[in-house]
Protein backbone atom coordinates (compact mmCIF):
# COMPACT_ATOMS: atom_id res chain seq x y z
CA MET A 1 -23.28 7.98 -22.36
CA ILE A 2 -25.94 7.19 -19.74
CA ASP A 3 -24.74 3.57 -19.42
CA THR A 4 -21.11 4.70 -19.11
CA LEU A 5 -21.96 7.24 -16.42
CA ARG A 6 -24.08 4.70 -14.56
CA ASP A 7 -21.19 2.20 -14.55
CA GLN A 8 -18.70 4.84 -13.41
CA LEU A 9 -20.99 5.98 -10.59
CA ASN A 10 -21.58 2.38 -9.50
CA PHE A 11 -17.80 1.93 -9.26
CA ILE A 12 -17.44 5.17 -7.29
CA ILE A 13 -20.18 4.08 -4.90
CA GLU A 14 -18.61 0.63 -4.52
CA ILE A 15 -15.14 1.93 -3.66
CA ASP A 16 -16.61 3.91 -0.75
CA LYS A 17 -16.48 0.52 1.00
CA LEU A 18 -12.69 0.89 1.19
CA LYS A 19 -13.29 3.24 4.12
CA GLN A 20 -14.60 0.23 6.04
CA VAL A 21 -11.50 -1.95 5.56
CA SER A 22 -9.45 -1.75 8.73
CA ARG A 23 -5.69 -2.22 8.51
CA GLN A 24 -3.27 -3.39 11.20
CA THR A 25 -1.50 -0.01 11.05
CA LEU A 26 -2.36 2.37 13.87
CA LEU A 27 -2.82 6.09 13.36
CA THR A 28 0.20 7.93 14.71
CA ASP A 29 -1.79 9.07 17.76
CA CYS A 30 -2.66 5.40 18.51
CA SER A 31 -6.37 6.28 18.70
CA ARG A 32 -7.46 3.60 16.21
CA HIS A 33 -6.45 1.54 13.21
CA GLU A 34 -6.30 3.33 9.88
CA ASN A 35 -8.58 2.23 7.09
CA SER A 36 -7.43 1.39 3.58
CA ALA A 37 -8.90 4.55 2.05
CA GLU A 38 -6.91 6.69 4.49
CA HIS A 39 -3.80 4.67 3.69
CA SER A 40 -4.26 5.27 -0.05
CA TRP A 41 -4.79 9.00 0.46
CA HIS A 42 -1.68 9.18 2.66
CA LEU A 43 0.41 7.44 -0.02
CA ALA A 44 -0.87 9.86 -2.67
CA VAL A 45 0.29 12.85 -0.63
CA MET A 46 3.59 11.10 0.09
CA ALA A 47 4.05 10.59 -3.68
CA LEU A 48 3.59 14.30 -4.28
CA VAL A 49 5.94 15.33 -1.48
CA LEU A 50 8.63 12.65 -1.88
CA SER A 51 8.75 12.23 -5.67
CA GLY A 52 12.25 13.73 -5.72
CA TYR A 53 13.52 10.57 -3.98
CA ALA A 54 12.35 8.18 -6.69
CA GLU A 55 15.05 6.01 -8.26
CA LYS A 56 14.34 7.56 -11.65
CA GLU A 57 13.91 11.30 -12.02
CA GLU A 58 11.85 11.03 -15.21
CA MET A 59 8.75 9.38 -13.89
CA ASP A 60 5.03 9.64 -14.65
CA LEU A 61 3.77 11.02 -11.33
CA LEU A 62 0.13 10.77 -12.39
CA ARG A 63 0.66 7.05 -12.95
CA VAL A 64 2.18 6.73 -9.45
CA LEU A 65 -0.78 8.60 -7.97
CA THR A 66 -3.19 6.33 -9.83
CA MET A 67 -1.39 3.25 -8.51
CA VAL A 68 -1.39 4.32 -4.88
CA LEU A 69 -5.03 5.38 -5.06
CA ILE A 70 -6.30 2.13 -6.60
CA HIS A 71 -3.82 -0.52 -5.40
CA ASP A 72 -5.83 -1.49 -2.31
CA ILE A 73 -9.33 -1.28 -3.81
CA VAL A 74 -9.21 -5.07 -4.01
CA GLU A 75 -9.31 -5.17 -0.21
CA ILE A 76 -13.03 -4.40 -0.38
CA ASP A 77 -13.51 -8.09 -1.23
CA ALA A 78 -10.16 -9.62 -0.26
CA GLY A 79 -9.71 -7.85 3.08
CA ASP A 80 -6.44 -6.48 4.34
CA THR A 81 -3.77 -9.16 4.66
CA TYR A 82 -1.32 -8.43 7.46
CA CYS A 83 2.10 -8.49 5.85
CA TYR A 84 3.61 -10.70 8.58
CA ASP A 85 0.77 -13.26 8.55
CA GLU A 86 2.32 -16.04 6.47
CA ASN A 87 -0.81 -18.19 6.56
CA ALA A 88 -3.11 -15.44 5.24
CA LYS A 89 -0.58 -14.54 2.54
CA LYS A 90 -0.98 -18.01 0.97
CA SER A 91 -4.41 -17.14 -0.43
CA GLN A 92 -3.87 -13.39 -0.83
CA LYS A 93 -3.03 -13.36 -4.54
CA ASP A 94 -6.06 -15.43 -5.56
CA ARG A 95 -8.40 -13.38 -3.36
CA GLU A 96 -7.07 -10.12 -4.76
CA ILE A 97 -7.23 -11.20 -8.42
CA SER A 98 -10.83 -12.25 -7.96
CA ALA A 99 -11.60 -8.93 -6.25
CA ALA A 100 -9.88 -6.96 -9.03
CA ASP A 101 -11.96 -8.76 -11.64
CA ARG A 102 -15.22 -7.97 -9.85
CA ILE A 103 -14.59 -4.42 -8.68
CA PHE A 104 -12.77 -3.05 -11.73
CA GLY A 105 -15.32 -4.98 -13.79
CA LEU A 106 -17.92 -2.42 -12.70
CA LEU A 107 -16.22 0.19 -14.90
CA PRO A 108 -16.77 0.72 -18.62
CA SER A 109 -14.43 -1.56 -20.58
CA ASP A 110 -11.79 1.05 -21.49
CA GLN A 111 -11.39 2.22 -17.89
CA ARG A 112 -11.61 -1.35 -16.58
CA GLU A 113 -8.69 -2.41 -18.79
CA LYS A 114 -6.63 0.63 -17.78
CA PHE A 115 -7.22 0.16 -14.04
CA VAL A 116 -6.56 -3.59 -14.15
CA GLN A 117 -3.34 -2.99 -16.10
CA ILE A 118 -2.15 -0.35 -13.60
CA TRP A 119 -3.08 -2.60 -10.67
CA HIS A 120 -1.05 -5.48 -12.19
CA GLU A 121 1.84 -3.10 -12.88
CA PHE A 122 1.87 -2.07 -9.22
CA GLU A 123 1.83 -5.71 -8.10
CA ALA A 124 4.66 -6.68 -10.49
CA ARG A 125 6.88 -3.69 -9.57
CA ASN A 126 8.53 -3.83 -13.00
CA THR A 127 8.47 -0.10 -13.83
CA PRO A 128 10.02 2.89 -12.06
CA GLU A 129 6.52 4.16 -11.23
CA ALA A 130 5.48 0.84 -9.69
CA ARG A 131 8.70 0.51 -7.71
CA PHE A 132 8.28 4.02 -6.31
CA ALA A 133 4.61 3.45 -5.47
CA ALA A 134 5.51 0.18 -3.75
CA ALA A 135 8.33 1.90 -1.85
CA LEU A 136 5.84 4.37 -0.41
CA ASP A 137 3.42 1.55 0.39
CA ARG A 138 6.14 -0.14 2.45
CA LEU A 139 7.59 3.02 4.01
CA GLN A 140 4.32 4.34 5.44
CA PRO A 141 3.65 1.41 7.81
CA VAL A 142 7.29 1.37 8.96
CA MET A 143 6.94 5.05 9.90
CA HIS A 144 3.62 4.41 11.65
CA ASN A 145 5.02 1.45 13.59
CA TYR A 146 7.98 3.54 14.68
CA LEU A 147 5.85 6.55 15.65
CA THR A 148 3.45 4.37 17.67
CA GLY A 149 6.25 2.79 19.67
CA GLY A 150 6.11 -0.51 17.82
CA ILE A 151 2.78 -1.54 19.37
CA MET A 152 1.74 -3.69 16.41
CA TRP A 153 5.22 -5.15 15.90
CA ARG A 154 5.25 -6.24 19.53
CA ARG A 155 1.65 -7.49 19.42
CA TYR A 156 2.54 -9.90 16.62
CA ASP A 157 6.08 -10.66 17.85
CA VAL A 158 7.62 -9.31 14.65
CA LYS A 159 11.41 -9.40 14.46
CA LYS A 160 13.90 -6.98 12.92
CA ASP A 161 14.88 -9.46 10.18
CA GLN A 162 11.24 -9.81 9.12
CA VAL A 163 10.81 -6.05 8.88
CA LYS A 164 14.02 -5.59 6.91
CA GLU A 165 13.24 -8.46 4.56
CA ARG A 166 9.70 -7.23 3.93
CA ASN A 167 10.75 -3.63 3.33
CA ARG A 168 14.08 -3.90 1.54
CA THR A 169 12.19 -3.35 -1.73
CA ILE A 170 11.86 0.30 -0.71
CA GLY A 171 15.42 0.59 -1.99
CA GLU A 172 14.36 -0.53 -5.47
CA GLY A 173 12.06 2.46 -5.87
CA ALA A 174 13.71 5.02 -3.60
CA PRO A 175 17.21 4.16 -2.29
CA ASP A 176 17.42 7.20 0.03
CA LEU A 177 14.04 6.35 1.55
CA TRP A 178 15.29 2.82 2.24
CA GLN A 179 18.28 4.24 4.11
CA PHE A 180 15.85 6.31 6.16
CA ALA A 181 13.60 3.29 6.80
CA GLU A 182 16.61 1.18 7.85
CA SER A 183 17.61 3.85 10.36
CA LEU A 184 14.09 3.80 11.82
CA ILE A 185 14.14 0.01 12.05
CA ASP A 186 17.56 -0.02 13.74
CA GLU A 187 16.52 2.68 16.18
CA ALA A 188 13.28 0.80 16.92
CA VAL A 189 15.36 -2.21 17.96
CA GLU A 190 17.64 -0.05 20.13
CA ARG A 191 14.60 1.49 21.84
CA GLY A 192 12.88 -1.86 22.46
CA MET A 193 10.04 -1.26 19.99
CA LEU A 194 11.06 -4.13 17.73
CA ALA A 195 12.60 -7.49 18.66
CA PRO A 196 16.15 -8.04 17.39
């Protein structure tokens, strides 16, 4: 019991570092970049509020919440990879697998196996829960980019086709949310926030 608790507390202490991982996404007031812990919390609340838009009505919401809360823990070691940085994406998978092994490896074996399995499920997007979690993970930055006037899209010269290609998987987990995201993307182009 003492060893199990020690391992669990070491994991909890370690994941506090996620608060230090800065993302490219700006807060909606443009005051600073969000960190990965804030992003995960935001997705968890989105899952609770928007679960009615999931592709499949019968879904394990606790599993979705677990996915969105742990999916970016690997960024403690791997860092945040900007989704439109093709060069950084080449090594992303290897960096994240190594990080998952180390960080989830801090947990007792039963929890380690569960968390690693859920993390892989999220990455594979082969269940309704994973597709919905991934849809939220893609929708949130689109909303932030739109609400901040496309500052980060313009900074990195991101084009409409790139945004649509990257985010079309929203439709796999939540078709209505993809329609909403598409309308934001189209309006962003019309308003000069995103290059055509």
